[in-house]
Amino acid sequence: MGASSEAARGGPLAAVVEGDTVTLDVPARELRLEVDEGTVAARLAGWRPPAPRIAGGVLAKYAVLVGSASEGAVTGPRLAQ
């Protein structure tokens, strides 16, 4: 998908709704959604990945061939994740 955001990959932050508490622990390098696991699971059950913003051309090719910046932005095809 080419996005470094864990929310864009269906992680717990994809389940955040207005009014939820999100805790940022900088020393531990953690970002936590303070909602019970059952609620998060129910919200993510209907989650679908966002459509790519760019569907063709050089930028679409770049998005497919370059990995996440959080993983070094390495070029090359990404295998099953």
N, C-alpha and C. Protein backbone atom coordinates (compact mmCIF):
# COMPACT_ATOMS: atom_id res chain seq x y z
N MET A 1 0.82 -1.19 0.00
CA MET A 1 0.00 0.00 0.00
C MET A 1 0.86 1.25 0.00
N GLY A 2 2.07 1.18 0.53
CA GLY A 2 2.96 2.32 0.46
C GLY A 2 2.76 3.34 1.56
N ALA A 3 1.88 3.11 2.49
CA ALA A 3 1.66 4.08 3.56
C ALA A 3 2.40 3.61 4.81
N SER A 4 3.03 4.54 5.49
CA SER A 4 3.73 4.14 6.70
C SER A 4 2.80 4.17 7.91
N SER A 5 1.66 4.78 7.77
CA SER A 5 0.72 4.85 8.88
C SER A 5 0.12 3.49 9.18
N GLU A 6 0.22 3.06 10.43
CA GLU A 6 -0.37 1.77 10.79
C GLU A 6 -1.89 1.81 10.66
N ALA A 7 -2.48 2.99 10.77
CA ALA A 7 -3.93 3.11 10.59
C ALA A 7 -4.32 2.77 9.15
N ALA A 8 -3.48 3.14 8.20
CA ALA A 8 -3.77 2.85 6.79
C ALA A 8 -3.63 1.37 6.48
N ARG A 9 -2.96 0.63 7.37
CA ARG A 9 -2.81 -0.82 7.18
C ARG A 9 -3.78 -1.62 8.03
N GLY A 10 -4.72 -0.93 8.70
CA GLY A 10 -5.73 -1.64 9.49
C GLY A 10 -5.33 -1.92 10.92
N GLY A 11 -4.34 -1.19 11.43
CA GLY A 11 -3.95 -1.35 12.83
C GLY A 11 -4.98 -0.71 13.76
N PRO A 12 -4.76 -0.78 15.06
CA PRO A 12 -5.73 -0.27 16.03
C PRO A 12 -6.11 1.20 15.82
N LEU A 13 -5.20 2.02 15.32
CA LEU A 13 -5.54 3.43 15.14
C LEU A 13 -6.55 3.64 14.01
N ALA A 14 -6.75 2.63 13.18
CA ALA A 14 -7.79 2.73 12.15
C ALA A 14 -9.18 2.69 12.80
N ALA A 15 -9.24 2.25 14.05
CA ALA A 15 -10.53 2.13 14.76
C ALA A 15 -10.86 3.36 15.59
N VAL A 16 -10.02 4.38 15.56
CA VAL A 16 -10.27 5.57 16.37
C VAL A 16 -11.50 6.33 15.85
N VAL A 17 -12.36 6.70 16.79
CA VAL A 17 -13.50 7.56 16.46
C VAL A 17 -13.44 8.79 17.36
N GLU A 18 -14.13 9.83 16.96
CA GLU A 18 -14.13 11.06 17.73
C GLU A 18 -14.55 10.78 19.17
N GLY A 19 -13.78 11.32 20.10
CA GLY A 19 -14.05 11.13 21.51
C GLY A 19 -13.19 10.07 22.18
N ASP A 20 -12.53 9.22 21.40
CA ASP A 20 -11.63 8.20 21.96
C ASP A 20 -10.39 8.87 22.54
N THR A 21 -9.78 8.20 23.51
CA THR A 21 -8.53 8.68 24.08
C THR A 21 -7.38 7.91 23.46
N VAL A 22 -6.39 8.65 22.98
CA VAL A 22 -5.18 8.06 22.43
C VAL A 22 -4.02 8.55 23.29
N THR A 23 -3.21 7.63 23.79
CA THR A 23 -2.10 7.97 24.67
C THR A 23 -0.79 7.88 23.89
N LEU A 24 0.01 8.92 23.99
CA LEU A 24 1.31 8.97 23.35
C LEU A 24 2.37 8.90 24.44
N ASP A 25 3.19 7.84 24.42
CA ASP A 25 4.27 7.65 25.38
C ASP A 25 5.57 7.80 24.60
N VAL A 26 6.12 9.00 24.59
CA VAL A 26 7.30 9.29 23.78
C VAL A 26 8.51 8.45 24.20
N PRO A 27 8.86 8.40 25.50
CA PRO A 27 10.04 7.60 25.87
C PRO A 27 9.92 6.13 25.46
N ALA A 28 8.72 5.57 25.54
CA ALA A 28 8.52 4.16 25.16
C ALA A 28 8.25 4.00 23.67
N ARG A 29 8.11 5.13 22.96
CA ARG A 29 7.82 5.13 21.52
C ARG A 29 6.54 4.34 21.23
N GLU A 30 5.50 4.62 22.03
CA GLU A 30 4.21 3.93 21.89
C GLU A 30 3.08 4.92 21.68
N LEU A 31 2.13 4.50 20.89
CA LEU A 31 0.90 5.23 20.65
C LEU A 31 -0.22 4.23 20.88
N ARG A 32 -1.06 4.46 21.91
CA ARG A 32 -2.08 3.48 22.27
C ARG A 32 -3.48 4.07 22.19
N LEU A 33 -4.39 3.27 21.69
CA LEU A 33 -5.81 3.60 21.68
C LEU A 33 -6.39 3.04 22.97
N GLU A 34 -6.92 3.92 23.81
CA GLU A 34 -7.44 3.51 25.12
C GLU A 34 -8.91 3.10 25.02
N VAL A 35 -9.16 2.02 24.27
CA VAL A 35 -10.50 1.46 24.07
C VAL A 35 -10.36 -0.04 24.23
N ASP A 36 -11.36 -0.70 24.83
CA ASP A 36 -11.24 -2.14 25.07
C ASP A 36 -11.10 -2.91 23.76
N GLU A 37 -10.45 -4.04 23.84
CA GLU A 37 -10.12 -4.84 22.65
C GLU A 37 -11.35 -5.29 21.88
N GLY A 38 -12.45 -5.59 22.58
CA GLY A 38 -13.67 -6.01 21.91
C GLY A 38 -14.25 -4.91 21.03
N THR A 39 -14.20 -3.68 21.52
CA THR A 39 -14.68 -2.54 20.74
C THR A 39 -13.81 -2.32 19.51
N VAL A 40 -12.50 -2.41 19.71
CA VAL A 40 -11.58 -2.24 18.58
C VAL A 40 -11.84 -3.33 17.54
N ALA A 41 -11.98 -4.57 17.98
CA ALA A 41 -12.23 -5.68 17.05
C ALA A 41 -13.53 -5.47 16.28
N ALA A 42 -14.57 -5.01 16.97
CA ALA A 42 -15.86 -4.77 16.30
C ALA A 42 -15.73 -3.66 15.26
N ARG A 43 -15.02 -2.61 15.61
CA ARG A 43 -14.83 -1.50 14.65
C ARG A 43 -14.02 -1.94 13.44
N LEU A 44 -12.97 -2.75 13.68
CA LEU A 44 -12.11 -3.17 12.58
C LEU A 44 -12.75 -4.25 11.71
N ALA A 45 -13.78 -4.91 12.21
CA ALA A 45 -14.44 -5.97 11.43
C ALA A 45 -15.00 -5.42 10.12
N GLY A 46 -15.45 -4.18 10.15
CA GLY A 46 -16.00 -3.57 8.94
C GLY A 46 -15.03 -2.66 8.22
N TRP A 47 -13.79 -2.62 8.68
CA TRP A 47 -12.79 -1.72 8.09
C TRP A 47 -12.31 -2.22 6.74
N ARG A 48 -12.13 -1.33 5.81
CA ARG A 48 -11.58 -1.66 4.50
C ARG A 48 -10.44 -0.69 4.22
N PRO A 49 -9.37 -1.15 3.58
CA PRO A 49 -8.25 -0.24 3.31
C PRO A 49 -8.69 0.89 2.39
N PRO A 50 -8.12 2.07 2.60
CA PRO A 50 -8.46 3.18 1.72
C PRO A 50 -7.96 2.93 0.30
N ALA A 51 -8.70 3.45 -0.65
CA ALA A 51 -8.28 3.32 -2.05
C ALA A 51 -7.02 4.17 -2.27
N PRO A 52 -6.14 3.72 -3.15
CA PRO A 52 -4.95 4.53 -3.44
C PRO A 52 -5.37 5.90 -3.98
N ARG A 53 -4.67 6.93 -3.53
CA ARG A 53 -4.99 8.28 -4.01
C ARG A 53 -4.54 8.49 -5.45
N ILE A 54 -3.54 7.73 -5.86
CA ILE A 54 -3.02 7.86 -7.22
C ILE A 54 -3.08 6.48 -7.86
N ALA A 55 -3.83 6.37 -8.95
CA ALA A 55 -4.08 5.06 -9.54
C ALA A 55 -3.17 4.73 -10.72
N GLY A 56 -2.48 5.70 -11.28
CA GLY A 56 -1.64 5.42 -12.43
C GLY A 56 -0.48 6.37 -12.52
N GLY A 57 0.41 6.10 -13.46
CA GLY A 57 1.55 6.97 -13.68
C GLY A 57 2.73 6.66 -12.78
N VAL A 58 3.68 7.55 -12.82
CA VAL A 58 4.95 7.35 -12.10
C VAL A 58 4.74 7.29 -10.60
N LEU A 59 3.88 8.12 -10.04
CA LEU A 59 3.67 8.10 -8.59
C LEU A 59 3.03 6.79 -8.13
N ALA A 60 2.14 6.21 -8.93
CA ALA A 60 1.55 4.92 -8.58
C ALA A 60 2.63 3.84 -8.61
N LYS A 61 3.49 3.90 -9.60
CA LYS A 61 4.59 2.94 -9.70
C LYS A 61 5.51 3.08 -8.49
N TYR A 62 5.81 4.31 -8.12
CA TYR A 62 6.65 4.58 -6.94
C TYR A 62 6.00 3.98 -5.69
N ALA A 63 4.69 4.18 -5.52
CA ALA A 63 3.99 3.67 -4.34
C ALA A 63 4.07 2.16 -4.25
N VAL A 64 4.08 1.48 -5.39
CA VAL A 64 4.15 0.01 -5.41
C VAL A 64 5.58 -0.47 -5.15
N LEU A 65 6.56 0.25 -5.67
CA LEU A 65 7.94 -0.23 -5.63
C LEU A 65 8.76 0.23 -4.43
N VAL A 66 8.31 1.28 -3.72
CA VAL A 66 9.09 1.81 -2.61
C VAL A 66 8.38 1.51 -1.31
N GLY A 67 9.09 0.90 -0.39
CA GLY A 67 8.52 0.55 0.90
C GLY A 67 8.31 1.77 1.79
N SER A 68 7.73 1.53 2.93
CA SER A 68 7.43 2.57 3.90
C SER A 68 8.69 3.28 4.37
N ALA A 69 8.59 4.58 4.60
CA ALA A 69 9.72 5.34 5.15
C ALA A 69 10.11 4.80 6.52
N SER A 70 9.13 4.30 7.26
CA SER A 70 9.43 3.76 8.59
C SER A 70 10.26 2.48 8.51
N GLU A 71 10.35 1.91 7.32
CA GLU A 71 11.14 0.69 7.13
C GLU A 71 12.32 0.93 6.20
N GLY A 72 12.69 2.19 5.99
CA GLY A 72 13.87 2.51 5.21
C GLY A 72 13.61 2.94 3.78
N ALA A 73 12.35 2.98 3.33
CA ALA A 73 12.00 3.39 1.97
C ALA A 73 12.82 2.62 0.92
N VAL A 74 12.99 1.34 1.16
CA VAL A 74 13.76 0.49 0.25
C VAL A 74 12.96 0.24 -1.01
N THR A 75 13.64 0.28 -2.16
CA THR A 75 12.96 0.05 -3.42
C THR A 75 12.92 -1.43 -3.73
N GLY A 76 11.91 -1.83 -4.47
CA GLY A 76 11.76 -3.21 -4.88
C GLY A 76 10.35 -3.67 -4.61
N PRO A 77 9.89 -4.68 -5.33
CA PRO A 77 8.53 -5.16 -5.10
C PRO A 77 8.36 -5.72 -3.70
N ARG A 78 7.25 -5.37 -3.09
CA ARG A 78 6.95 -5.87 -1.75
C ARG A 78 6.20 -7.19 -1.87
N LEU A 79 6.66 -8.19 -1.18
CA LEU A 79 6.00 -9.48 -1.18
C LEU A 79 4.89 -9.46 -0.14
N ALA A 80 4.13 -10.53 -0.05
CA ALA A 80 3.00 -10.60 0.88
C ALA A 80 3.39 -10.09 2.25
N GLN A 81 2.53 -9.25 2.81
CA GLN A 81 2.82 -8.67 4.12
C GLN A 81 1.88 -9.20 5.15
